[in-house]
């Protein structure tokens, strides 16, 4: 089992604070409007406890943008938000009203593009600061029952061949609010690493803390 010390936890929080700031800058350029992402609240929780923890902070139905990455770190990054807020997100992006019953393929593509910007900016920022290299896959849009989506996500990770995965390994959850004008969308980014990725990540954090 890998556990982070208080100093390591603080260093990880600062890494993601900088990374989220870079994501906000990238998103602002896309929508040509100032976008703010709140200072992330970092939660480190054991892998086997993560699905129940996430469900407690979610509605019955959620939307998500999922992106896998490979390299020094192997894993998956997922941006979750309440399904009803996905409509508000599209309104912000496209500056037009969206029917409440469904999202068109074009609107889903817009959300995937935003998720791609946010997740890539976060991954690129913290891996650069840790002097690591990762390559991201194409993101995909997910929407549906919270329990079913989480089961699918974690079962996919458990079948990873990149490294051993343990039930008590930590999962990183970042609570981040997306804000533009008077609009605010609450969401969170979940970072899942396999055993090798976690070990490499911790070595990188320890190196940052060296005098």
Protein backbone atom coordinates (compact mmCIF):
# COMPACT_ATOMS: atom_id res chain seq x y z
CA UNK A 1 0.00 0.00 0.00
CA UNK A 2 1.24 3.48 -0.91
CA UNK A 3 0.53 6.28 1.56
CA UNK A 4 1.49 9.92 1.13
CA UNK A 5 2.98 11.96 3.97
CA UNK A 6 1.53 15.35 4.94
CA UNK A 7 4.35 17.12 3.07
CA UNK A 8 3.70 15.00 -0.02
CA UNK A 9 -0.03 15.74 0.20
CA UNK A 10 0.70 19.48 0.36
CA UNK A 11 3.07 19.21 -2.62
CA UNK A 12 0.45 17.32 -4.65
CA UNK A 13 -2.17 19.95 -3.79
CA UNK A 14 0.14 22.71 -5.01
CA UNK A 15 0.91 20.76 -8.20
CA UNK A 16 -2.76 20.53 -9.04
CA UNK A 17 -3.42 24.12 -8.00
CA UNK A 18 -0.95 25.29 -10.66
CA UNK A 19 -2.29 22.75 -13.16
CA UNK A 20 -5.89 23.89 -12.72
CA UNK A 21 -4.82 27.50 -13.22
CA UNK A 22 -3.26 26.55 -16.54
CA UNK A 23 -6.44 24.69 -17.50
CA UNK A 24 -8.50 27.82 -16.80
CA UNK A 25 -6.22 29.90 -19.04
CA UNK A 26 -6.55 27.38 -21.89
CA UNK A 27 -10.32 27.26 -21.53
CA UNK A 28 -10.60 31.06 -21.48
CA UNK A 29 -8.88 31.21 -24.86
CA UNK A 30 -11.30 28.65 -26.28
CA UNK A 31 -14.53 30.41 -25.23
CA UNK A 32 -13.07 33.93 -25.57
CA UNK A 33 -14.31 34.76 -22.10
CA UNK A 34 -12.66 34.76 -18.72
CA UNK A 35 -13.04 31.36 -17.13
CA UNK A 36 -12.19 30.65 -13.52
CA UNK A 37 -11.59 27.24 -12.00
CA UNK A 38 -11.69 27.20 -8.21
CA UNK A 39 -8.70 26.22 -6.11
CA UNK A 40 -8.93 22.43 -6.14
CA UNK A 41 -9.75 20.54 -2.97
CA UNK A 42 -7.70 17.35 -3.04
CA UNK A 43 -8.92 14.10 -1.51
CA UNK A 44 -6.72 11.01 -1.38
CA UNK A 45 -8.80 7.93 -0.74
CA UNK A 46 -8.27 4.18 -0.98
CA UNK A 47 -9.26 2.75 -4.33
CA UNK A 48 -11.86 0.33 -2.97
CA UNK A 49 -13.59 3.20 -1.11
CA UNK A 50 -13.57 5.63 -4.04
CA UNK A 51 -16.78 4.55 -5.84
CA UNK A 52 -18.93 4.96 -2.71
CA UNK A 53 -17.23 8.25 -1.86
CA UNK A 54 -17.87 9.64 -5.35
CA UNK A 55 -21.50 8.48 -5.28
CA UNK A 56 -22.09 10.38 -2.04
CA UNK A 57 -21.02 13.58 -3.80
CA UNK A 58 -23.01 12.96 -6.99
CA UNK A 59 -26.58 12.80 -8.20
CA UNK A 60 -28.07 9.57 -9.53
CA UNK A 61 -27.08 10.50 -13.08
CA UNK A 62 -23.75 11.98 -14.07
CA UNK A 63 -21.83 12.97 -17.17
CA UNK A 64 -18.11 12.51 -17.59
CA UNK A 65 -15.21 13.02 -19.95
CA UNK A 66 -12.73 10.14 -19.71
CA UNK A 67 -9.19 10.14 -21.06
CA UNK A 68 -6.50 7.47 -20.71
CA UNK A 69 -2.79 8.21 -20.73
CA UNK A 70 0.40 6.19 -21.05
CA UNK A 71 4.08 6.86 -20.42
CA UNK A 72 5.96 7.41 -17.17
CA UNK A 73 2.49 7.31 -15.64
CA UNK A 74 -0.20 4.93 -16.87
CA UNK A 75 -3.78 5.58 -15.89
CA UNK A 76 -7.05 7.35 -16.52
CA UNK A 77 -8.26 10.88 -15.83
CA UNK A 78 -11.99 11.56 -15.61
CA UNK A 79 -13.85 14.86 -15.28
CA UNK A 80 -17.24 14.24 -13.62
CA UNK A 81 -20.18 16.62 -13.27
CA UNK A 82 -23.91 16.34 -12.61
CA UNK A 83 -25.82 15.35 -15.76
CA UNK A 84 -28.20 18.30 -15.52
CA UNK A 85 -25.24 20.65 -15.38
CA UNK A 86 -23.97 19.32 -18.70
CA UNK A 87 -26.79 21.31 -20.34
CA UNK A 88 -25.65 24.46 -18.57
CA UNK A 89 -22.08 23.80 -19.67
CA UNK A 90 -23.18 23.57 -23.31
CA UNK A 91 -25.16 26.81 -22.94
CA UNK A 92 -22.00 28.52 -21.73
CA UNK A 93 -19.87 27.08 -24.52
CA UNK A 94 -22.26 27.58 -27.42
CA UNK A 95 -24.06 30.61 -25.97
CA UNK A 96 -27.44 29.18 -26.89
CA UNK A 97 -30.30 27.35 -25.19
CA UNK A 98 -30.23 23.58 -25.22
CA UNK A 99 -33.29 21.27 -25.02
CA UNK A 100 -33.56 19.66 -21.62
CA UNK A 101 -34.29 16.17 -22.94
CA UNK A 102 -31.09 15.39 -24.81
CA UNK A 103 -27.75 16.55 -26.17
CA UNK A 104 -26.97 16.35 -29.86
CA UNK A 105 -23.74 14.80 -31.12
CA UNK A 106 -22.42 18.29 -31.82
CA UNK A 107 -23.13 19.41 -28.27
CA UNK A 108 -21.50 16.29 -26.85
CA UNK A 109 -18.48 16.95 -29.05
CA UNK A 110 -18.28 20.46 -27.57
CA UNK A 111 -18.24 19.01 -24.07
CA UNK A 112 -15.57 16.49 -25.05
CA UNK A 113 -13.46 19.34 -26.40
CA UNK A 114 -13.73 21.20 -23.10
CA UNK A 115 -12.92 18.05 -21.14
CA UNK A 116 -9.96 17.45 -23.40
CA UNK A 117 -8.64 20.96 -22.72
CA UNK A 118 -9.11 20.67 -18.96
CA UNK A 119 -7.69 17.16 -18.58
CA UNK A 120 -4.79 17.71 -20.98
CA UNK A 121 -3.84 21.00 -19.32
CA UNK A 122 -3.86 19.37 -15.88
CA UNK A 123 -1.90 16.31 -17.04
CA UNK A 124 0.61 18.34 -19.05
CA UNK A 125 1.24 20.79 -16.21
CA UNK A 126 1.87 18.38 -13.38
CA UNK A 127 3.83 15.86 -15.47
CA UNK A 128 6.07 18.67 -16.72
CA UNK A 129 6.71 19.82 -13.16
CA UNK A 130 7.51 16.21 -12.22
CA UNK A 131 9.75 15.84 -15.30
CA UNK A 132 7.62 13.02 -16.67
CA UNK A 133 6.24 12.21 -20.10
CA UNK A 134 2.74 10.95 -20.91
CA UNK A 135 0.72 10.53 -24.09
CA UNK A 136 -3.05 10.93 -23.89
CA UNK A 137 -5.67 9.02 -25.85
CA UNK A 138 -8.71 10.64 -27.45
CA UNK A 139 -11.27 11.58 -24.78
CA UNK A 140 -14.76 10.15 -24.74
CA UNK A 141 -18.10 11.32 -23.37
CA UNK A 142 -19.98 9.19 -20.84
CA UNK A 143 -23.41 9.78 -19.36
CA UNK A 144 -25.78 7.69 -17.31
CA UNK A 145 -26.39 6.09 -13.94
CA UNK A 146 -23.68 7.06 -11.45
CA UNK A 147 -23.27 3.57 -9.97
CA UNK A 148 -23.03 1.88 -13.38
CA UNK A 149 -20.52 4.39 -14.75
CA UNK A 150 -18.30 4.06 -11.70
CA UNK A 151 -18.42 0.27 -11.86
CA UNK A 152 -17.42 0.39 -15.52
CA UNK A 153 -14.60 2.84 -14.88
CA UNK A 154 -13.07 0.94 -11.99
CA UNK A 155 -13.47 -2.48 -13.63
CA UNK A 156 -11.60 -1.12 -16.67
CA UNK A 157 -8.78 0.05 -14.44
CA UNK A 158 -8.66 -3.25 -12.60
CA UNK A 159 -8.01 -5.00 -15.90
CA UNK A 160 -5.02 -2.79 -16.67
CA UNK A 161 -1.93 -4.70 -17.77
CA UNK A 162 0.46 -1.84 -17.07
CA UNK A 163 1.03 -2.64 -13.42
CA UNK A 164 -0.44 -4.25 -10.33
CA UNK A 165 -3.47 -2.50 -8.87
CA UNK A 166 -4.26 -2.84 -5.17
CA UNK A 167 -7.58 -2.15 -3.48
CA UNK A 168 -5.92 0.08 -0.88
CA UNK A 169 -3.86 2.15 -3.36
CA UNK A 170 -4.81 5.84 -3.27
CA UNK A 171 -7.10 7.50 -5.80
CA UNK A 172 -6.74 11.27 -6.27
CA UNK A 173 -9.99 13.25 -6.42
CA UNK A 174 -9.92 16.99 -7.18
CA UNK A 175 -13.06 19.00 -6.46
CA UNK A 176 -13.08 21.93 -8.90
CA UNK A 177 -15.76 24.52 -9.77
CA UNK A 178 -15.97 25.87 -13.32
CA UNK A 179 -17.08 29.52 -13.36
CA UNK A 180 -17.76 32.06 -16.09
CA UNK A 181 -19.80 35.21 -15.53
CA UNK A 182 -22.62 34.33 -13.15
CA UNK A 183 -22.52 30.64 -14.01
CA UNK A 184 -20.91 27.98 -11.86
CA UNK A 185 -20.64 24.27 -12.53
CA UNK A 186 -19.42 21.97 -9.78
CA UNK A 187 -17.31 19.04 -10.86
CA UNK A 188 -14.38 16.91 -9.90
CA UNK A 189 -11.43 15.29 -11.60
CA UNK A 190 -10.52 11.73 -10.65
CA UNK A 191 -7.00 10.51 -11.35
CA UNK A 192 -6.50 6.74 -11.39
CA UNK A 193 -2.98 5.36 -11.63
CA UNK A 194 -1.85 1.75 -11.71
CA UNK A 195 0.73 0.44 -9.23
CA UNK A 196 3.77 1.38 -11.31
CA UNK A 197 2.33 4.80 -12.07
CA UNK A 198 1.68 5.49 -8.39
CA UNK A 199 5.26 4.56 -7.49
CA UNK A 200 6.64 6.81 -10.25
CA UNK A 201 4.32 9.64 -9.22
CA UNK A 202 5.45 9.43 -5.61
CA UNK A 203 9.12 9.43 -6.63
CA UNK A 204 8.50 12.58 -8.63
CA UNK A 205 6.79 14.27 -5.68
CA UNK A 206 9.62 13.26 -3.32
CA UNK A 207 12.13 14.75 -5.76
CA UNK A 208 10.24 18.06 -5.66
CA UNK A 209 10.57 18.10 -1.88
CA UNK A 210 14.33 17.58 -1.93
CA UNK A 211 16.29 20.62 -0.63
